[in-house]
């Protein structure tokens, strides 16, 4: 007896419902795939935009930065600028007027802490104690050091008990901040040259801004506005990156001296022993001067 394969009406309806369900399921899967592709496309586009922005920032911060340029008249050959009071700078090295980084190889860092630094010395009895500070404008520990000690440094300076030499470095340059370390170092060199009486106040304000800028650094416009608030017009010097080669030189000299991090503070030719509070340590050195 032959068996009929003809479906009943109920079976045909069930088959149709199953096909419809399968089609709907396939449509949902396709829509999910399209949605994921759109999302990943958006993510990829955002990454590309960020990369472009960072690239533009980097190119803008790097353009027109020559290998050679002038040194501030108050600078020494290590890139240091020395305060003799809160409103006065010591004369720089007369022979140190230009820097040229074209043939300067990146110094090798050995990892061994230095026992001395170029220019660091124990001053003779009766003279002000020598303090040298290696610092970076984008360094949180440097900002903390200044917050805690700027007032005391100012007292020693104005009492004639110490000189304070700042060697501002480019260690924390990065495209995301437009190489802020170098830009701030340039601005400070501009101030040393054009309005030396405001150098200390400017440096203090730059470090004080770290907390509000959360390590992102000041823009050139903000550096100019800050200088203007002190009565100094540094616009052309900052916009022209006049002392950026000098800042590069200072960083290279610090690496050559094996300065691995900032702040690195030297008093009377010796590295500050941080197990002793800074004020107490320096007061001991000042007392030795008589």
Protein backbone atom coordinates (compact mmCIF):
# COMPACT_ATOMS: atom_id res chain seq x y z
CA UNK A 1 0.00 0.00 0.00
CA UNK A 2 1.44 3.38 -1.00
CA UNK A 3 1.93 6.06 1.66
CA UNK A 4 0.99 9.64 0.79
CA UNK A 5 3.67 12.37 1.47
CA UNK A 6 1.13 15.09 1.12
CA UNK A 7 1.09 17.31 4.23
CA UNK A 8 -2.03 18.14 6.01
CA UNK A 9 -3.13 21.71 6.37
CA UNK A 10 -1.93 21.77 9.98
CA UNK A 11 1.49 20.42 8.97
CA UNK A 12 1.81 23.01 6.20
CA UNK A 13 1.02 25.76 8.68
CA UNK A 14 3.60 24.39 11.13
CA UNK A 15 6.24 24.21 8.37
CA UNK A 16 5.49 27.79 7.34
CA UNK A 17 5.76 28.98 10.94
CA UNK A 18 9.12 27.20 11.33
CA UNK A 19 10.51 28.77 8.15
CA UNK A 20 9.32 32.19 9.30
CA UNK A 21 10.99 31.63 12.68
CA UNK A 22 14.26 30.61 11.00
CA UNK A 23 14.15 33.65 8.73
CA UNK A 24 13.53 35.93 11.69
CA UNK A 25 16.40 34.32 13.60
CA UNK A 26 18.75 34.76 10.64
CA UNK A 27 17.67 38.38 10.31
CA UNK A 28 18.39 38.97 14.00
CA UNK A 29 21.86 37.42 13.60
CA UNK A 30 22.60 39.62 10.60
CA UNK A 31 21.42 42.73 12.43
CA UNK A 32 23.61 41.82 15.41
CA UNK A 33 26.62 41.37 13.12
CA UNK A 34 25.91 44.72 11.45
CA UNK A 35 25.55 46.39 14.85
CA UNK A 36 28.87 44.97 16.03
CA UNK A 37 30.56 46.07 12.81
CA UNK A 38 29.19 49.58 13.24
CA UNK A 39 30.39 49.70 16.86
CA UNK A 40 33.86 48.48 15.97
CA UNK A 41 33.91 50.91 13.09
CA UNK A 42 33.16 53.77 15.48
CA UNK A 43 35.88 52.57 17.87
CA UNK A 44 38.37 52.34 15.00
CA UNK A 45 37.42 55.82 13.82
CA UNK A 46 37.92 57.24 17.31
CA UNK A 47 41.35 55.58 17.54
CA UNK A 48 42.30 57.07 14.17
CA UNK A 49 41.12 60.53 15.26
CA UNK A 50 43.11 60.30 18.50
CA UNK A 51 46.19 59.18 16.59
CA UNK A 52 45.81 62.10 14.19
CA UNK A 53 45.34 64.59 17.02
CA UNK A 54 48.38 63.26 18.90
CA UNK A 55 50.37 63.35 15.68
CA UNK A 56 49.37 66.95 15.02
CA UNK A 57 50.25 67.93 18.58
CA UNK A 58 53.61 66.22 18.25
CA UNK A 59 54.37 67.87 14.91
CA UNK A 60 53.28 71.28 16.19
CA UNK A 61 55.38 70.92 19.32
CA UNK A 62 58.39 69.74 17.34
CA UNK A 63 58.27 72.11 14.38
CA UNK A 64 60.88 74.81 14.10
CA UNK A 65 62.98 73.38 16.93
CA UNK A 66 66.53 73.65 15.57
CA UNK A 67 69.56 71.83 16.94
CA UNK A 68 71.37 75.07 17.70
CA UNK A 69 70.33 78.22 19.52
CA UNK A 70 71.27 80.77 22.18
CA UNK A 71 71.82 80.19 25.88
CA UNK A 72 70.43 82.68 28.42
CA UNK A 73 73.07 85.08 29.68
CA UNK A 74 72.46 83.83 33.25
CA UNK A 75 73.09 80.17 32.37
CA UNK A 76 76.12 77.99 33.02
CA UNK A 77 77.33 75.20 30.74
CA UNK A 78 75.24 72.60 32.60
CA UNK A 79 72.09 74.55 31.81
CA UNK A 80 71.77 75.86 35.34
CA UNK A 81 70.37 79.26 36.30
CA UNK A 82 71.37 80.43 39.76
CA UNK A 83 69.32 82.58 42.12
CA UNK A 84 71.32 84.72 44.57
CA UNK A 85 68.13 86.20 46.03
CA UNK A 86 64.46 85.85 45.19
CA UNK A 87 64.80 88.67 42.66
CA UNK A 88 68.40 88.35 41.42
CA UNK A 89 70.28 85.89 39.24
CA UNK A 90 74.01 85.25 39.23
CA UNK A 91 75.85 86.05 35.99
CA UNK A 92 76.24 83.04 33.72
CA UNK A 93 79.34 81.70 32.03
CA UNK A 94 80.48 84.38 29.61
CA UNK A 95 81.85 81.78 27.20
CA UNK A 96 78.57 79.85 27.16
CA UNK A 97 76.43 81.75 24.69
CA UNK A 98 75.32 79.11 22.17
CA UNK A 99 74.36 75.43 22.16
CA UNK A 100 74.46 73.01 19.24
CA UNK A 101 72.90 69.59 19.74
CA UNK A 102 73.37 68.36 16.16
CA UNK A 103 76.24 66.00 16.98
CA UNK A 104 75.28 65.28 20.59
CA UNK A 105 74.81 61.56 21.15
CA UNK A 106 72.29 60.44 23.76
CA UNK A 107 74.39 59.73 26.87
CA UNK A 108 74.30 56.16 28.16
CA UNK A 109 72.64 55.79 31.55
CA UNK A 110 74.59 53.27 33.63
CA UNK A 111 72.07 52.99 36.45
CA UNK A 112 74.76 53.85 38.99
CA UNK A 113 73.82 56.87 41.15
CA UNK A 114 76.36 59.69 40.83
CA UNK A 115 78.52 60.70 43.77
CA UNK A 116 78.94 64.24 42.42
CA UNK A 117 77.60 66.50 39.66
CA UNK A 118 79.43 68.95 37.40
CA UNK A 119 79.62 72.34 39.07
CA UNK A 120 78.55 70.96 42.44
CA UNK A 121 80.95 72.13 45.10
CA UNK A 122 81.39 72.79 48.78
CA UNK A 123 81.66 76.55 49.02
CA UNK A 124 84.36 77.96 51.32
CA UNK A 125 83.45 78.92 54.88
CA UNK A 126 81.72 82.27 55.08
CA UNK A 127 80.09 81.95 51.64
CA UNK A 128 76.44 81.02 51.00
CA UNK A 129 75.77 77.29 50.78
CA UNK A 130 75.29 76.00 47.25
CA UNK A 131 72.02 74.23 46.38
CA UNK A 132 71.49 72.66 42.94
CA UNK A 133 68.04 71.35 41.95
CA UNK A 134 67.51 69.17 38.90
CA UNK A 135 63.79 69.44 38.15
CA UNK A 136 61.16 68.88 35.47
CA UNK A 137 58.08 71.12 35.19
CA UNK A 138 55.87 68.07 34.58
CA UNK A 139 57.21 66.10 37.57
CA UNK A 140 54.75 65.58 40.43
CA UNK A 141 57.56 65.02 42.95
CA UNK A 142 59.23 68.26 41.84
CA UNK A 143 55.94 70.09 42.32
CA UNK A 144 55.64 68.60 45.81
CA UNK A 145 59.23 69.55 46.64
CA UNK A 146 58.55 73.15 45.61
CA UNK A 147 55.26 73.27 47.48
CA UNK A 148 56.97 72.10 50.65
CA UNK A 149 60.21 74.05 50.37
CA UNK A 150 59.76 77.17 48.20
CA UNK A 151 59.14 79.39 51.22
CA UNK A 152 62.20 78.12 53.06
CA UNK A 153 64.37 78.44 49.94
CA UNK A 154 63.22 82.04 49.61
CA UNK A 155 64.22 82.76 53.23
CA UNK A 156 67.71 81.35 52.74
CA UNK A 157 68.10 83.28 49.49
CA UNK A 158 67.08 86.64 50.88
CA UNK A 159 69.15 86.08 54.03
CA UNK A 160 72.21 85.46 51.86
CA UNK A 161 72.63 82.00 53.42
CA UNK A 162 72.33 79.98 50.20
CA UNK A 163 72.20 80.21 46.42
CA UNK A 164 69.76 78.01 44.51
CA UNK A 165 70.56 76.79 41.01
CA UNK A 166 67.82 75.24 38.90
CA UNK A 167 68.61 72.88 36.03
CA UNK A 168 65.27 72.44 34.25
CA UNK A 169 65.05 69.18 32.32
CA UNK A 170 63.07 67.66 29.45
CA UNK A 171 62.80 64.17 30.95
CA UNK A 172 58.99 63.97 30.90
CA UNK A 173 58.38 65.35 27.42
CA UNK A 174 55.60 63.56 25.56
CA UNK A 175 53.33 64.42 22.61
CA UNK A 176 50.16 64.36 24.73
CA UNK A 177 51.35 67.50 26.58
CA UNK A 178 52.97 69.08 23.53
CA UNK A 179 56.34 68.32 25.15
CA UNK A 180 55.44 70.45 28.14
CA UNK A 181 58.69 69.87 30.02
CA UNK A 182 60.69 71.52 27.22
CA UNK A 183 58.11 74.26 26.66
CA UNK A 184 58.11 75.22 30.35
CA UNK A 185 61.91 75.06 30.44
CA UNK A 186 61.99 77.38 27.44
CA UNK A 187 59.57 79.80 29.12
CA UNK A 188 61.70 79.89 32.27
CA UNK A 189 64.82 80.57 30.20
CA UNK A 190 62.92 83.38 28.49
CA UNK A 191 62.07 84.84 31.88
CA UNK A 192 65.67 84.54 33.08
CA UNK A 193 66.80 86.52 30.06
CA UNK A 194 64.08 89.13 29.78
CA UNK A 195 62.85 89.65 33.33
CA UNK A 196 65.29 87.98 35.78
CA UNK A 197 63.69 89.62 38.81
CA UNK A 198 60.59 87.51 38.16
CA UNK A 199 62.35 84.18 37.54
CA UNK A 200 61.76 82.76 41.02
CA UNK A 201 58.10 83.84 41.16
CA UNK A 202 57.48 82.41 37.69
CA UNK A 203 59.08 79.08 38.58
CA UNK A 204 57.00 78.88 41.77
CA UNK A 205 53.78 79.55 39.87
CA UNK A 206 54.60 77.00 37.16
CA UNK A 207 55.10 74.26 39.74
CA UNK A 208 52.02 75.37 41.68
CA UNK A 209 49.95 74.89 38.51
CA UNK A 210 50.73 71.15 38.47
CA UNK A 211 47.89 70.30 40.84
CA UNK A 212 45.26 72.13 38.79
CA UNK A 213 46.52 70.84 35.43
CA UNK A 214 46.88 67.24 36.71
CA UNK A 215 50.17 66.74 34.94
CA UNK A 216 48.84 67.84 31.55
CA UNK A 217 50.92 71.00 31.59
CA UNK A 218 50.17 74.59 30.66
CA UNK A 219 49.61 75.69 27.09
CA UNK A 220 51.93 78.28 25.58
CA UNK A 221 49.12 80.81 25.90
CA UNK A 222 48.82 80.02 29.61
CA UNK A 223 52.58 80.31 30.09
CA UNK A 224 52.43 83.71 28.39
CA UNK A 225 49.46 84.84 30.49
CA UNK A 226 51.23 83.78 33.68
CA UNK A 227 54.31 85.77 32.67
CA UNK A 228 52.14 88.74 31.77
CA UNK A 229 50.63 88.62 35.26
CA UNK A 230 54.14 89.19 36.59
CA UNK A 231 54.67 92.12 34.24
CA UNK A 232 56.82 90.28 31.68
CA UNK A 233 56.09 89.98 27.95
CA UNK A 234 57.50 86.63 26.85
CA UNK A 235 55.13 86.06 23.93
CA UNK A 236 57.68 86.24 21.12
CA UNK A 237 60.26 84.21 23.02
CA UNK A 238 57.79 81.46 23.94
CA UNK A 239 56.13 81.32 20.51
CA UNK A 240 59.53 81.28 18.84
CA UNK A 241 60.84 78.42 21.04
CA UNK A 242 63.98 80.52 21.40
CA UNK A 243 65.59 78.45 24.16
CA UNK A 244 64.32 74.97 23.27
CA UNK A 245 67.80 73.91 22.04
CA UNK A 246 69.17 75.15 25.38
CA UNK A 247 66.65 72.94 27.27
CA UNK A 248 67.70 69.96 25.15
CA UNK A 249 71.32 70.70 26.06
CA UNK A 250 70.43 70.85 29.76
CA UNK A 251 68.72 67.46 29.59
CA UNK A 252 71.68 65.90 27.78
CA UNK A 253 74.09 67.31 30.37
CA UNK A 254 71.97 65.86 33.19
CA UNK A 255 71.91 62.43 31.53
CA UNK A 256 75.67 62.65 31.07
CA UNK A 257 75.89 63.33 34.82
CA UNK A 258 73.76 60.18 35.39
CA UNK A 259 70.81 62.06 36.89
CA UNK A 260 68.17 59.33 36.64
CA UNK A 261 65.16 61.13 38.09
CA UNK A 262 63.80 64.38 39.43
CA UNK A 263 63.97 66.15 41.75
CA UNK A 264 67.64 65.49 42.38
CA UNK A 265 68.96 67.96 44.96
CA UNK A 266 72.61 68.63 45.76
CA UNK A 267 73.78 70.72 48.70
CA UNK A 268 77.42 71.77 49.04
CA UNK A 269 78.37 69.18 46.42
CA UNK A 270 76.56 66.31 48.16
CA UNK A 271 73.30 64.61 47.22
CA UNK A 272 70.58 65.44 49.76
CA UNK A 273 70.09 62.50 52.10
CA UNK A 274 66.30 62.26 52.01
CA UNK A 275 66.20 60.36 55.30
CA UNK A 276 66.77 63.81 56.83
CA UNK A 277 64.12 66.54 56.33
CA UNK A 278 65.31 68.98 53.68
CA UNK A 279 65.24 72.10 55.88
CA UNK A 280 67.13 70.33 58.64
CA UNK A 281 69.70 68.98 56.18
CA UNK A 282 70.40 72.38 54.61
CA UNK A 283 70.43 74.19 57.95
CA UNK A 284 73.21 71.83 58.99
CA UNK A 285 75.20 72.74 55.87
CA UNK A 286 74.57 76.46 56.42
CA UNK A 287 75.77 76.17 60.02
CA UNK A 288 79.01 74.64 58.74
CA UNK A 289 79.57 77.78 56.65
CA UNK A 290 79.79 79.89 59.80
